[in-house]
Amino acid sequence: MKSEDAVSQKKPGGLKFNRRTFIKLSALTGVAIGAGQILGPAITHSSDPVPPGAAAPLDEKWINTSCINCPARCAIKVRVAGGKAVKITGNPLSRVSEGKVCPRAYVGLQVLYDQGRVNFPLKRTNAQKGKGVDPKWQPVSWEEALDEIARRLQAIRQKEEPHKLLLFSGLNTRSSEDMIARFAEAYGTPNLVSGDALEAETLKAGNWMADGRYGDVAYDLDNTNYILAFGADILESSRPLARLLRKWGKMRREKPNRTRIVVINPRYSLTAAKSDLWAPINPGTDAALAMALAHVIIRENLYDSAFVSRWTAGFDAYKKLALDEYSPEEVAKITGVDADDIRKMAREFAGTRPAIAIGGREAVDWTNGSYTAYAIACLNALVGSIDVPGGVIYQEGVKFSPMPGIAEDGIAKKGKSQPALDLRKTAKYPLAEVVTNQIPESLLKGEPYPVEMAIGFNSNFNMLSPGMEKWDEALRKIPFYVHIAPFVSEMAFDADIILPATTYLEEWAYDFSPPGSGFAELKLKQPVVPLRGKNRPIPEVIFEIAKKTGGAVANAFAGLGDNAEGFVKYRTASLLSWKEFVETGVWIGNDYEYRKYERLFATPSKKFEFYSGNMKALFAAKKLAAAGDLSFLPHYGAPKFLGEASAFPLVLLPYQPLMVVENGSQNYPWAQEAFLPMCGVGWQVFAEMNTDTAKKLGLKNGGFVWVESASGKIRAKVKFSEGIHPEVVAMATGQGHWSYGKWQTGIGVNPNEITGLDYDSLSGQSAFFNTRVKVYKA
């Protein structure tokens, strides 16, 4: 259990904390915060006045680079004065974000000048590991650290067991991701694990059933007239955030007839507050609502018959299911949404074209998530909103200069023939590309085999995952763990060696946003200030490790530029000149082309499928037991909950607020100050409850309560709200850190501590919203 006693009493640095203190502390500079040998020499903060004589007034410039405080990776401009980065704003040359940025971008200055950064390679000298155990770090040279890592990598390969190397990839630049993937390929391990299955892999699975493409889609928001947002927090945690914020302004303020937006969510989110209608649906029942909307649209002949007849398959089976099983009256009993409201919603959606239905985490991160995503995707086809202006669109990629093929040796081939530790593509997760949260379970059981070594790249999965305690336990079981990042995160805390990576404002890299714009856009990252300490960019670390490992691994990285800058030049040479890229910071592809139906669908019928041929083939190939045709159709299945309703009558809803910086850290005062915009406060976490429910439990608004599940309990202040479903307890994620810096350690609690372990069985996506809890006075 964990208490949130420190929430309001938290006094960073031992000071009484209030807004005035915060402003003062933000301006403090050169504050050494202990562990001097780890952190290295203190440097002045960007908000310090430029010392007299240190820089002439004209010694300032703007540098085009890009952000990575969230996966949107927006193009930014950084103002540098006197050698210090002092301001961040959007790059107006970017068409993805249109020169705008989200609030997370401004935090970049505090990322760069964070006094808690690691500036030297560190080696653990205390064999004991665990939360609260002093690792007794000792600085070592890069040469010493890399030699030890290479020796261990060579030893594993000499035993012809490269699959026993496990790689974790967190939020990295695209160029780092390419390098990490190539290293896994050349070394011979199938165990490269990203955090994607902690996001919304179910959406990819649902799209795959419908159109054959396992990936996220984009939405043509400039031209749409109506949005149904199923659990999609468009203004908080959806991607790419800065583009969505900009498009929201256009949709709502810059067109004669503003786009109508309906939000379906058990929580009155920031997006719901700005929408036309909020429908507080019963948790986990979004698929039933989507099918009821289809029922009305089909029964009243409101669908796009021309698109359905020419470019879809399986409509008759879908139509029969929707009409037979999902009448508004029956679905109202499941969802809690009134039958007349369902009809009105369906008529508006079909009659206000182009219209789009968007799925988000709070609708699809459930045990039934893939089929829910499929049901939402089918609504778009029903009204013809597929690859048309104002509809669903498909993101174009960047055509980089290709890397040469890898000349695999026999060791690599043998390693990659082994099953992956996360059990992807097995009968347990037949469609999964990655199952992030399966890893601690596999490590603790030593199945399908034990690992000998792991390397983490900017990952912090033990703070982001349900059942986070299992990650702590599993990491301690890895014989040798290396972590590469600028900070000592909770995941780094159990490392044997930490290699200090650069921040994104100090390195060369290329990046692009997740699907959103349709057209391709590439961004450059370039150093805006001199490198601090002995930090190195991840690509350069990989070049060195590969070289020292030798053999086929080293050969795989020959001729790719030899360092981070050289690698970016190599990969982007076919797109534009280096001089132009450095000056502009962006490369933009051709305008988006609509209606590419002849080459769009990767399904057996080469059409959008209401009855999934891909799913039917998967079931046959894996010899899975099907529930008749229902297994191949979008449908609602009652979600599986963790905990008995009699003992735990409420449902926990752990949501991601806007200012959760997705590098896994909240060690930024600016982000903390604005942490809970809907509550009007920062620096804490509430148990947000419906007012009537809370009063029936005898709770006092602002008092401390225990929130308890079958997995444990946490203590927090309760906040009454009319904007929470009566059966739900909402808690923000992002707090509850016990490492990673003074501005976050000990603040608040993390609801993932009491969230149970469960999955969408098709995609391997972790279920975040099916844990039952009870709440009582602390």
Foldseek 3Di string as FASTA:
>chain_A
DAAQVCFQVPDFVPDRDDPVVLVVVVQDFQDADDPCQFLDGGDTALNDDDDPPLFDQPQKDKFWFWDQLDQQGFIWIFIAGSQATNAIWFFCVDPLLNGGDDPQRRLVSCVQNVSFWTFAKWFFPDLDDDFPDDSPIDGDHPVVVLLVVLVVLLVCVVVLALQLEAEEEERDFPQLVVLVVLLCLQSAHPHYFYCVLLFFQLLLLLVCLFFNGRADWAFQLLFWQEEEEEAAPQQADDPPNSSSVVSQCCQAPVDPRHRAYEYEDLFCHPSNVPHDYYHNWDFQLLLLLLLQLVLLCVVVVLFDVVLCVPFEPDVVVSNCCSNVPRHLVVSCVVIVGHSVVSNVVSCCQSVRPPYAYHYGQRHQLFLQRNLSSNSRVVSNSRSPQEQDNRHIAGADEDQWQDADDFPHDPSSVSNNVDQYLQNECALQANAAPHQNVSNLVCQVVCPPHHHAEYEYELDDVLQSAFQSVSLSVSLSSHNAYEYEERHCFPSNSNHRMYAHARHQQAFWGKHRHGHYQRWGKIFIGHHPHHDDRNHFHSSLSSQSSQVSSDDSSNVSCPPCQNGRNGNVCNTCVVQDDPVVCRRSRMGTGDHHDGDPQCPRGPAPVSGGYQFGRVQVVSCVVNVNDDPPSPSRHRGRDDTDFAADCVAFVAWEAAAAGRLQRRSLAPLGSVSQQCVDVVVPGGQEKAFEAAQVLCVVQVDDQQAKKWKAFPQGIYIHGHHHDNRRNHRYTYIYARACTCGGHSSGHSTYHGCSSRADFDGNSHHSRTRRIRTGIHMHGD
